[in-house]
Amino acid sequence: MTIVPDDKDWTWVLTRPCPECGYDSRSFTRRGVGDSVMRTATALAGLVARDECRQRPAATTWSALEYACHVRDVYRLYLYRLGLMLADDGVHFPNWDQDATAIDDDYGNQDPAAVGPEMLAAAGALADAFAAVGDGDWERRGVRSDGAEFTIDTFARYMLHDPVHHVHDIEQGYAEIAAG
């Protein structure tokens, strides 16, 4: 599987809309995070249920299945990191190499019938965790291994972009596959 590392700094989505997928982090309320997580996970589960979910639109573009595996793992990672932030204000997150995970876990050969439910379960756990964040906890901080600092509020808004953007990526990929 060819993986092209994504080395972009996507934190800019906290200050302006994404021109590719239209996501605008400023449009989400703290109490709407869980609903957005579940809405996007449901859309992704539908996209990964398609027969062509294993097909890549190009050698360096992930298939719907690979994107769904990634988003499932993003939900799991963010649940873990949210727990760290709630336990320790200012925590430094351990590094996560998403590309190594994709290779090590062989995303492209996972079972789509299992990935959809796993992703929905991970999304549900994350949505519940965000719903349980107390009003006084949204400004607790966490620091990523590259030095990017988040509050729980900005952490949630930043996280929401990833699955929304990947729904867009998959829809674009399916359009390319259909166009042949």
N, C-alpha and C. Protein backbone atom coordinates (compact mmCIF):
# COMPACT_ATOMS: atom_id res chain seq x y z
N MET A 1 0.85 -1.18 0.00
CA MET A 1 0.00 0.00 0.00
C MET A 1 0.89 1.24 0.00
N THR A 2 0.66 2.12 -0.92
CA THR A 2 1.42 3.37 -1.01
C THR A 2 0.79 4.38 -0.05
N ILE A 3 1.61 4.92 0.83
CA ILE A 3 1.15 5.95 1.77
C ILE A 3 1.97 7.21 1.49
N VAL A 4 1.30 8.29 1.23
CA VAL A 4 1.97 9.57 1.08
C VAL A 4 1.72 10.32 2.39
N PRO A 5 2.78 10.50 3.20
CA PRO A 5 2.59 11.16 4.50
C PRO A 5 1.97 12.55 4.35
N ASP A 6 1.02 12.84 5.23
CA ASP A 6 0.41 14.16 5.26
C ASP A 6 1.14 14.96 6.32
N ASP A 7 1.99 15.89 5.89
CA ASP A 7 2.77 16.66 6.84
C ASP A 7 2.28 18.10 6.96
N LYS A 8 1.04 18.34 6.53
CA LYS A 8 0.46 19.68 6.63
C LYS A 8 0.09 19.98 8.09
N ASP A 9 0.15 21.24 8.44
CA ASP A 9 -0.33 21.69 9.74
C ASP A 9 -1.78 22.13 9.55
N TRP A 10 -2.70 21.27 9.96
CA TRP A 10 -4.13 21.52 9.73
C TRP A 10 -4.77 22.40 10.83
N THR A 11 -3.98 22.91 11.78
CA THR A 11 -4.58 23.71 12.86
C THR A 11 -5.22 25.00 12.35
N TRP A 12 -4.91 25.41 11.13
CA TRP A 12 -5.53 26.60 10.57
C TRP A 12 -7.05 26.46 10.48
N VAL A 13 -7.57 25.23 10.50
CA VAL A 13 -9.03 25.06 10.41
C VAL A 13 -9.74 25.64 11.64
N LEU A 14 -8.99 26.00 12.65
CA LEU A 14 -9.59 26.62 13.83
C LEU A 14 -9.92 28.10 13.60
N THR A 15 -9.34 28.68 12.56
CA THR A 15 -9.54 30.12 12.34
C THR A 15 -10.24 30.47 11.03
N ARG A 16 -10.34 29.50 10.12
CA ARG A 16 -11.01 29.80 8.84
C ARG A 16 -11.58 28.50 8.26
N PRO A 17 -12.60 28.64 7.41
CA PRO A 17 -13.21 27.44 6.81
C PRO A 17 -12.24 26.70 5.89
N CYS A 18 -12.45 25.41 5.76
CA CYS A 18 -11.67 24.59 4.84
C CYS A 18 -12.21 24.80 3.43
N PRO A 19 -11.38 25.26 2.50
CA PRO A 19 -11.88 25.51 1.15
C PRO A 19 -12.22 24.23 0.38
N GLU A 20 -11.71 23.08 0.83
CA GLU A 20 -11.98 21.83 0.13
C GLU A 20 -13.31 21.21 0.57
N CYS A 21 -13.52 21.08 1.87
CA CYS A 21 -14.71 20.37 2.36
C CYS A 21 -15.79 21.29 2.91
N GLY A 22 -15.46 22.58 3.11
CA GLY A 22 -16.43 23.53 3.62
C GLY A 22 -16.57 23.57 5.12
N TYR A 23 -15.84 22.72 5.84
CA TYR A 23 -15.94 22.70 7.31
C TYR A 23 -15.55 24.05 7.88
N ASP A 24 -16.36 24.54 8.83
CA ASP A 24 -16.08 25.80 9.52
C ASP A 24 -16.18 25.53 11.01
N SER A 25 -15.03 25.45 11.67
CA SER A 25 -14.99 25.10 13.10
C SER A 25 -15.74 26.09 13.96
N ARG A 26 -15.91 27.30 13.48
CA ARG A 26 -16.59 28.32 14.27
C ARG A 26 -18.10 28.10 14.34
N SER A 27 -18.62 27.17 13.53
CA SER A 27 -20.06 26.96 13.49
C SER A 27 -20.53 25.91 14.50
N PHE A 28 -19.63 25.30 15.24
CA PHE A 28 -20.02 24.25 16.18
C PHE A 28 -20.04 24.76 17.61
N THR A 29 -21.07 24.37 18.32
CA THR A 29 -21.14 24.69 19.73
C THR A 29 -20.59 23.50 20.52
N ARG A 30 -20.17 23.77 21.73
CA ARG A 30 -19.62 22.72 22.57
C ARG A 30 -20.61 21.57 22.74
N ARG A 31 -21.82 21.89 22.92
CA ARG A 31 -22.84 20.85 23.14
C ARG A 31 -23.28 20.17 21.84
N GLY A 32 -22.83 20.67 20.70
CA GLY A 32 -23.16 20.04 19.43
C GLY A 32 -22.08 19.10 18.91
N VAL A 33 -20.97 18.99 19.63
CA VAL A 33 -19.86 18.16 19.17
C VAL A 33 -20.28 16.70 19.01
N GLY A 34 -20.93 16.15 20.02
CA GLY A 34 -21.33 14.75 19.95
C GLY A 34 -22.26 14.45 18.79
N ASP A 35 -23.22 15.34 18.55
CA ASP A 35 -24.13 15.14 17.42
C ASP A 35 -23.38 15.16 16.10
N SER A 36 -22.41 16.06 15.97
CA SER A 36 -21.62 16.13 14.75
C SER A 36 -20.78 14.87 14.56
N VAL A 37 -20.18 14.39 15.64
CA VAL A 37 -19.39 13.15 15.57
C VAL A 37 -20.27 12.02 15.04
N MET A 38 -21.45 11.86 15.59
CA MET A 38 -22.32 10.75 15.20
C MET A 38 -22.88 10.92 13.78
N ARG A 39 -23.20 12.12 13.42
CA ARG A 39 -23.72 12.38 12.06
C ARG A 39 -22.66 12.03 11.01
N THR A 40 -21.43 12.44 11.26
CA THR A 40 -20.36 12.16 10.32
C THR A 40 -20.00 10.68 10.31
N ALA A 41 -19.97 10.05 11.47
CA ALA A 41 -19.67 8.61 11.53
C ALA A 41 -20.73 7.80 10.80
N THR A 42 -21.97 8.21 10.92
CA THR A 42 -23.05 7.52 10.21
C THR A 42 -22.87 7.66 8.70
N ALA A 43 -22.50 8.85 8.25
CA ALA A 43 -22.25 9.05 6.82
C ALA A 43 -21.08 8.18 6.35
N LEU A 44 -20.02 8.13 7.13
CA LEU A 44 -18.87 7.31 6.77
C LEU A 44 -19.21 5.83 6.75
N ALA A 45 -20.01 5.39 7.70
CA ALA A 45 -20.41 3.97 7.72
C ALA A 45 -21.18 3.62 6.45
N GLY A 46 -22.01 4.51 5.99
CA GLY A 46 -22.73 4.28 4.73
C GLY A 46 -21.79 4.23 3.54
N LEU A 47 -20.77 5.07 3.53
CA LEU A 47 -19.83 5.10 2.42
C LEU A 47 -18.93 3.86 2.39
N VAL A 48 -18.60 3.34 3.56
CA VAL A 48 -17.73 2.15 3.61
C VAL A 48 -18.53 0.87 3.35
N ALA A 49 -19.84 0.97 3.34
CA ALA A 49 -20.69 -0.20 3.07
C ALA A 49 -20.85 -0.45 1.57
N ARG A 50 -20.34 0.44 0.75
CA ARG A 50 -20.47 0.27 -0.70
C ARG A 50 -19.52 -0.80 -1.22
N ASP A 51 -19.91 -1.47 -2.28
CA ASP A 51 -19.11 -2.56 -2.85
C ASP A 51 -17.70 -2.13 -3.23
N GLU A 52 -17.56 -0.92 -3.72
CA GLU A 52 -16.26 -0.46 -4.20
C GLU A 52 -15.41 0.20 -3.11
N CYS A 53 -15.74 -0.03 -1.84
CA CYS A 53 -15.04 0.65 -0.74
C CYS A 53 -13.55 0.33 -0.67
N ARG A 54 -13.12 -0.79 -1.22
CA ARG A 54 -11.70 -1.15 -1.20
C ARG A 54 -10.91 -0.52 -2.36
N GLN A 55 -11.61 0.02 -3.33
CA GLN A 55 -10.97 0.53 -4.53
C GLN A 55 -10.41 1.93 -4.29
N ARG A 56 -9.16 2.12 -4.65
CA ARG A 56 -8.55 3.44 -4.57
C ARG A 56 -8.80 4.19 -5.87
N PRO A 57 -9.14 5.47 -5.79
CA PRO A 57 -9.31 6.24 -7.02
C PRO A 57 -7.98 6.54 -7.71
N ALA A 58 -6.89 6.50 -6.96
CA ALA A 58 -5.53 6.69 -7.47
C ALA A 58 -4.59 5.96 -6.52
N ALA A 59 -3.41 5.63 -6.99
CA ALA A 59 -2.46 4.85 -6.19
C ALA A 59 -2.09 5.52 -4.87
N THR A 60 -2.09 6.85 -4.86
CA THR A 60 -1.69 7.57 -3.65
C THR A 60 -2.88 8.16 -2.88
N THR A 61 -4.09 7.76 -3.24
CA THR A 61 -5.30 8.22 -2.55
C THR A 61 -5.95 7.03 -1.86
N TRP A 62 -6.23 7.19 -0.59
CA TRP A 62 -6.83 6.10 0.17
C TRP A 62 -8.19 5.72 -0.38
N SER A 63 -8.54 4.47 -0.17
CA SER A 63 -9.89 3.98 -0.46
C SER A 63 -10.83 4.42 0.66
N ALA A 64 -12.12 4.26 0.43
CA ALA A 64 -13.10 4.56 1.48
C ALA A 64 -12.83 3.72 2.72
N LEU A 65 -12.46 2.46 2.52
CA LEU A 65 -12.16 1.58 3.65
C LEU A 65 -10.98 2.11 4.45
N GLU A 66 -9.93 2.52 3.78
CA GLU A 66 -8.75 3.04 4.48
C GLU A 66 -9.09 4.32 5.25
N TYR A 67 -9.87 5.20 4.63
CA TYR A 67 -10.30 6.41 5.34
C TYR A 67 -11.15 6.06 6.56
N ALA A 68 -12.04 5.10 6.42
CA ALA A 68 -12.91 4.72 7.55
C ALA A 68 -12.08 4.12 8.68
N CYS A 69 -11.09 3.31 8.37
CA CYS A 69 -10.20 2.76 9.40
C CYS A 69 -9.48 3.90 10.12
N HIS A 70 -8.99 4.86 9.33
CA HIS A 70 -8.29 6.01 9.91
C HIS A 70 -9.22 6.79 10.85
N VAL A 71 -10.43 7.07 10.40
CA VAL A 71 -11.35 7.84 11.23
C VAL A 71 -11.72 7.06 12.50
N ARG A 72 -11.93 5.77 12.38
CA ARG A 72 -12.18 4.94 13.57
C ARG A 72 -11.04 5.13 14.57
N ASP A 73 -9.81 5.09 14.08
CA ASP A 73 -8.66 5.23 14.97
C ASP A 73 -8.51 6.66 15.49
N VAL A 74 -8.90 7.64 14.69
CA VAL A 74 -8.92 9.03 15.17
C VAL A 74 -9.90 9.15 16.33
N TYR A 75 -11.10 8.59 16.19
CA TYR A 75 -12.06 8.64 17.29
C TYR A 75 -11.49 8.00 18.55
N ARG A 76 -10.85 6.88 18.40
CA ARG A 76 -10.25 6.18 19.56
C ARG A 76 -9.14 7.02 20.18
N LEU A 77 -8.29 7.60 19.33
CA LEU A 77 -7.19 8.43 19.82
C LEU A 77 -7.72 9.66 20.55
N TYR A 78 -8.72 10.30 20.00
CA TYR A 78 -9.26 11.50 20.63
C TYR A 78 -9.99 11.18 21.94
N LEU A 79 -10.60 10.04 22.03
CA LEU A 79 -11.19 9.62 23.31
C LEU A 79 -10.09 9.48 24.36
N TYR A 80 -9.00 8.85 23.99
CA TYR A 80 -7.86 8.68 24.89
C TYR A 80 -7.28 10.04 25.29
N ARG A 81 -7.06 10.90 24.30
CA ARG A 81 -6.47 12.21 24.59
C ARG A 81 -7.42 13.09 25.40
N LEU A 82 -8.70 13.00 25.14
CA LEU A 82 -9.67 13.77 25.94
C LEU A 82 -9.58 13.33 27.40
N GLY A 83 -9.49 12.03 27.62
CA GLY A 83 -9.32 11.53 28.98
C GLY A 83 -8.06 12.07 29.64
N LEU A 84 -6.98 12.15 28.88
CA LEU A 84 -5.73 12.71 29.42
C LEU A 84 -5.91 14.17 29.81
N MET A 85 -6.60 14.93 28.96
CA MET A 85 -6.81 16.35 29.23
C MET A 85 -7.68 16.57 30.46
N LEU A 86 -8.68 15.71 30.63
CA LEU A 86 -9.55 15.84 31.79
C LEU A 86 -8.84 15.45 33.08
N ALA A 87 -7.88 14.54 32.97
CA ALA A 87 -7.14 14.09 34.16
C ALA A 87 -5.98 15.02 34.52
N ASP A 88 -5.40 15.69 33.52
CA ASP A 88 -4.19 16.47 33.75
C ASP A 88 -4.18 17.68 32.82
N ASP A 89 -4.52 18.84 33.35
CA ASP A 89 -4.51 20.06 32.55
C ASP A 89 -3.08 20.36 32.09
N GLY A 90 -2.91 20.54 30.79
CA GLY A 90 -1.59 20.83 30.23
C GLY A 90 -0.81 19.59 29.84
N VAL A 91 -1.47 18.46 29.77
CA VAL A 91 -0.82 17.19 29.43
C VAL A 91 -0.17 17.26 28.05
N HIS A 92 0.94 16.54 27.90
CA HIS A 92 1.60 16.38 26.60
C HIS A 92 1.21 15.02 26.06
N PHE A 93 0.65 15.01 24.85
CA PHE A 93 0.20 13.77 24.25
C PHE A 93 1.37 12.98 23.68
N PRO A 94 1.33 11.66 23.82
CA PRO A 94 2.32 10.86 23.09
C PRO A 94 2.07 10.98 21.60
N ASN A 95 3.14 10.85 20.82
CA ASN A 95 3.03 10.96 19.37
C ASN A 95 2.20 9.82 18.80
N TRP A 96 1.48 10.09 17.71
CA TRP A 96 0.77 9.06 16.96
C TRP A 96 1.14 9.23 15.50
N ASP A 97 1.72 8.20 14.93
CA ASP A 97 2.08 8.21 13.52
C ASP A 97 0.94 7.53 12.75
N GLN A 98 0.08 8.34 12.18
CA GLN A 98 -1.10 7.80 11.49
C GLN A 98 -0.72 6.96 10.28
N ASP A 99 0.37 7.30 9.63
CA ASP A 99 0.78 6.54 8.45
C ASP A 99 1.32 5.16 8.86
N ALA A 100 2.10 5.10 9.92
CA ALA A 100 2.60 3.82 10.42
C ALA A 100 1.44 2.94 10.87
N THR A 101 0.45 3.54 11.51
CA THR A 101 -0.73 2.78 11.95
C THR A 101 -1.46 2.19 10.74
N ALA A 102 -1.61 2.98 9.69
CA ALA A 102 -2.30 2.50 8.48
C ALA A 102 -1.58 1.29 7.88
N ILE A 103 -0.27 1.33 7.89
CA ILE A 103 0.52 0.22 7.35
C ILE A 103 0.50 -0.97 8.31
N ASP A 104 0.81 -0.70 9.58
CA ASP A 104 0.89 -1.78 10.56
C ASP A 104 -0.43 -2.52 10.73
N ASP A 105 -1.54 -1.78 10.66
CA ASP A 105 -2.86 -2.39 10.82
C ASP A 105 -3.49 -2.82 9.50
N ASP A 106 -2.76 -2.64 8.40
CA ASP A 106 -3.18 -3.09 7.07
C ASP A 106 -4.61 -2.63 6.75
N TYR A 107 -4.81 -1.32 6.82
CA TYR A 107 -6.14 -0.74 6.62
C TYR A 107 -6.85 -1.26 5.38
N GLY A 108 -6.13 -1.37 4.29
CA GLY A 108 -6.75 -1.74 3.03
C GLY A 108 -7.29 -3.16 2.98
N ASN A 109 -6.88 -4.00 3.92
CA ASN A 109 -7.35 -5.39 3.93
C ASN A 109 -8.25 -5.71 5.11
N GLN A 110 -8.70 -4.69 5.82
CA GLN A 110 -9.63 -4.94 6.91
C GLN A 110 -11.02 -5.23 6.35
N ASP A 111 -11.86 -5.79 7.18
CA ASP A 111 -13.21 -6.19 6.78
C ASP A 111 -14.16 -5.00 6.90
N PRO A 112 -14.68 -4.51 5.77
CA PRO A 112 -15.59 -3.36 5.83
C PRO A 112 -16.82 -3.62 6.72
N ALA A 113 -17.27 -4.88 6.76
CA ALA A 113 -18.44 -5.21 7.59
C ALA A 113 -18.13 -5.05 9.08
N ALA A 114 -16.86 -5.11 9.45
CA ALA A 114 -16.46 -4.90 10.84
C ALA A 114 -16.07 -3.44 11.09
N VAL A 115 -15.44 -2.81 10.11
CA VAL A 115 -14.95 -1.45 10.30
C VAL A 115 -16.08 -0.46 10.54
N GLY A 116 -17.17 -0.57 9.79
CA GLY A 116 -18.30 0.35 9.98
C GLY A 116 -18.82 0.33 11.41
N PRO A 117 -19.17 -0.85 11.96
CA PRO A 117 -19.63 -0.90 13.35
C PRO A 117 -18.56 -0.47 14.37
N GLU A 118 -17.30 -0.82 14.11
CA GLU A 118 -16.23 -0.39 15.03
C GLU A 118 -16.12 1.13 15.04
N MET A 119 -16.23 1.74 13.87
CA MET A 119 -16.16 3.19 13.78
C MET A 119 -17.34 3.84 14.50
N LEU A 120 -18.53 3.28 14.31
CA LEU A 120 -19.71 3.82 14.99
C LEU A 120 -19.60 3.67 16.51
N ALA A 121 -19.05 2.56 16.97
CA ALA A 121 -18.86 2.36 18.41
C ALA A 121 -17.85 3.36 18.97
N ALA A 122 -16.75 3.56 18.24
CA ALA A 122 -15.74 4.53 18.68
C ALA A 122 -16.32 5.94 18.67
N ALA A 123 -17.11 6.26 17.65
CA ALA A 123 -17.76 7.57 17.58
C ALA A 123 -18.72 7.76 18.74
N GLY A 124 -19.48 6.73 19.06
CA GLY A 124 -20.43 6.82 20.17
C GLY A 124 -19.73 7.06 21.50
N ALA A 125 -18.63 6.36 21.72
CA ALA A 125 -17.87 6.54 22.97
C ALA A 125 -17.31 7.97 23.04
N LEU A 126 -16.80 8.47 21.91
CA LEU A 126 -16.25 9.83 21.90
C LEU A 126 -17.36 10.87 22.08
N ALA A 127 -18.48 10.68 21.40
CA ALA A 127 -19.61 11.61 21.55
C ALA A 127 -20.08 11.67 22.99
N ASP A 128 -20.18 10.51 23.64
CA ASP A 128 -20.58 10.46 25.05
C ASP A 128 -19.58 11.17 25.94
N ALA A 129 -18.29 10.98 25.64
CA ALA A 129 -17.25 11.63 26.45
C ALA A 129 -17.31 13.14 26.31
N PHE A 130 -17.52 13.64 25.10
CA PHE A 130 -17.64 15.09 24.93
C PHE A 130 -18.91 15.61 25.61
N ALA A 131 -19.99 14.84 25.57
CA ALA A 131 -21.23 15.26 26.23
C ALA A 131 -21.06 15.36 27.74
N ALA A 132 -20.12 14.61 28.29
CA ALA A 132 -19.90 14.59 29.74
C ALA A 132 -18.91 15.65 30.21
N VAL A 133 -18.29 16.38 29.29
CA VAL A 133 -17.33 17.41 29.69
C VAL A 133 -18.08 18.51 30.44
N GLY A 134 -17.61 18.81 31.63
CA GLY A 134 -18.25 19.83 32.46
C GLY A 134 -18.00 21.23 31.91
N ASP A 135 -18.90 22.14 32.23
CA ASP A 135 -18.78 23.51 31.74
C ASP A 135 -17.44 24.14 32.09
N GLY A 136 -16.90 23.80 33.24
CA GLY A 136 -15.63 24.38 33.66
C GLY A 136 -14.40 23.69 33.11
N ASP A 137 -14.59 22.66 32.32
CA ASP A 137 -13.45 21.89 31.82
C ASP A 137 -13.06 22.18 30.37
N TRP A 138 -13.84 22.95 29.65
CA TRP A 138 -13.60 23.17 28.22
C TRP A 138 -12.32 23.94 27.93
N GLU A 139 -11.75 24.60 28.93
CA GLU A 139 -10.52 25.36 28.72
C GLU A 139 -9.28 24.58 29.19
N ARG A 140 -9.47 23.34 29.65
CA ARG A 140 -8.31 22.51 30.01
C ARG A 140 -7.46 22.30 28.76
N ARG A 141 -6.16 22.14 28.96
CA ARG A 141 -5.24 22.14 27.83
C ARG A 141 -4.55 20.79 27.62
N GLY A 142 -4.12 20.60 26.37
CA GLY A 142 -3.28 19.47 25.99
C GLY A 142 -2.35 19.93 24.89
N VAL A 143 -1.15 19.32 24.85
CA VAL A 143 -0.14 19.72 23.88
C VAL A 143 0.25 18.50 23.06
N ARG A 144 0.15 18.65 21.74
CA ARG A 144 0.53 17.58 20.82
C ARG A 144 2.05 17.49 20.74
N SER A 145 2.56 16.38 20.25
CA SER A 145 4.01 16.16 20.20
C SER A 145 4.75 17.17 19.32
N ASP A 146 4.04 17.81 18.38
CA ASP A 146 4.67 18.83 17.54
C ASP A 146 4.59 20.22 18.16
N GLY A 147 4.06 20.31 19.38
CA GLY A 147 3.97 21.58 20.09
C GLY A 147 2.65 22.30 19.95
N ALA A 148 1.75 21.82 19.09
CA ALA A 148 0.44 22.47 18.94
C ALA A 148 -0.35 22.31 20.24
N GLU A 149 -0.83 23.43 20.76
CA GLU A 149 -1.56 23.43 22.03
C GLU A 149 -3.05 23.63 21.77
N PHE A 150 -3.86 22.86 22.48
CA PHE A 150 -5.30 22.90 22.34
C PHE A 150 -5.95 23.05 23.71
N THR A 151 -7.13 23.66 23.73
CA THR A 151 -8.04 23.52 24.86
C THR A 151 -8.99 22.39 24.47
N ILE A 152 -9.78 21.90 25.39
CA ILE A 152 -10.75 20.88 25.00
C ILE A 152 -11.69 21.44 23.93
N ASP A 153 -12.02 22.72 24.04
CA ASP A 153 -12.88 23.35 23.03
C ASP A 153 -12.22 23.32 21.65
N THR A 154 -10.98 23.78 21.53
CA THR A 154 -10.33 23.80 20.22
C THR A 154 -9.98 22.38 19.76
N PHE A 155 -9.69 21.51 20.69
CA PHE A 155 -9.41 20.10 20.41
C PHE A 155 -10.63 19.46 19.73
N ALA A 156 -11.81 19.73 20.25
CA ALA A 156 -13.05 19.19 19.67
C ALA A 156 -13.28 19.76 18.28
N ARG A 157 -13.13 21.05 18.12
CA ARG A 157 -13.36 21.70 16.83
C ARG A 157 -12.35 21.22 15.78
N TYR A 158 -11.12 21.05 16.21
CA TYR A 158 -10.07 20.54 15.31
C TYR A 158 -10.38 19.10 14.90
N MET A 159 -10.74 18.27 15.85
CA MET A 159 -11.03 16.87 15.58
C MET A 159 -12.19 16.72 14.61
N LEU A 160 -13.21 17.53 14.74
CA LEU A 160 -14.39 17.41 13.88
C LEU A 160 -14.05 17.56 12.40
N HIS A 161 -13.03 18.32 12.09
CA HIS A 161 -12.67 18.52 10.69
C HIS A 161 -12.22 17.23 10.03
N ASP A 162 -11.46 16.41 10.72
CA ASP A 162 -10.88 15.21 10.12
C ASP A 162 -11.94 14.31 9.48
N PRO A 163 -12.95 13.84 10.22
CA PRO A 163 -13.94 12.98 9.57
C PRO A 163 -14.79 13.71 8.53
N VAL A 164 -15.12 14.97 8.76
CA VAL A 164 -15.89 15.72 7.76
C VAL A 164 -15.09 15.80 6.46
N HIS A 165 -13.81 16.10 6.58
CA HIS A 165 -12.96 16.21 5.39
C HIS A 165 -12.86 14.85 4.68
N HIS A 166 -12.80 13.78 5.45
CA HIS A 166 -12.67 12.47 4.82
C HIS A 166 -13.96 12.00 4.16
N VAL A 167 -15.11 12.43 4.64
CA VAL A 167 -16.35 12.17 3.90
C VAL A 167 -16.23 12.83 2.53
N HIS A 168 -15.76 14.06 2.52
CA HIS A 168 -15.54 14.77 1.25
C HIS A 168 -14.54 14.01 0.36
N ASP A 169 -13.42 13.57 0.96
CA ASP A 169 -12.42 12.82 0.20
C ASP A 169 -13.02 11.57 -0.43
N ILE A 170 -13.79 10.83 0.34
CA ILE A 170 -14.39 9.59 -0.16
C ILE A 170 -15.38 9.88 -1.28
N GLU A 171 -16.23 10.89 -1.08
CA GLU A 171 -17.19 11.24 -2.13
C GLU A 171 -16.47 11.64 -3.41
N GLN A 172 -15.37 12.39 -3.30
CA GLN A 172 -14.58 12.76 -4.47
C GLN A 172 -13.96 11.52 -5.11
N GLY A 173 -13.46 10.61 -4.28
CA GLY A 173 -12.87 9.38 -4.78
C GLY A 173 -13.86 8.52 -5.51
N TYR A 174 -15.08 8.39 -4.95
CA TYR A 174 -16.11 7.61 -5.63
C TYR A 174 -16.48 8.24 -6.97
N ALA A 175 -16.50 9.57 -7.02
CA ALA A 175 -16.81 10.25 -8.29
C ALA A 175 -15.71 9.96 -9.32
N GLU A 176 -14.46 9.93 -8.88
CA GLU A 176 -13.34 9.62 -9.78
C GLU A 176 -13.43 8.17 -10.26
N ILE A 177 -13.77 7.27 -9.36
CA ILE A 177 -13.91 5.85 -9.73
C ILE A 177 -15.04 5.69 -10.77
N ALA A 178 -16.17 6.37 -10.52
CA ALA A 178 -17.31 6.27 -11.44
C ALA A 178 -16.97 6.84 -12.81
N ALA A 179 -16.15 7.91 -12.82
CA ALA A 179 -15.79 8.54 -14.08
C ALA A 179 -14.79 7.69 -14.87
N GLY A 180 -14.17 6.74 -14.14
CA GLY A 180 -13.26 5.80 -14.80
C GLY A 180 -11.99 6.40 -15.18
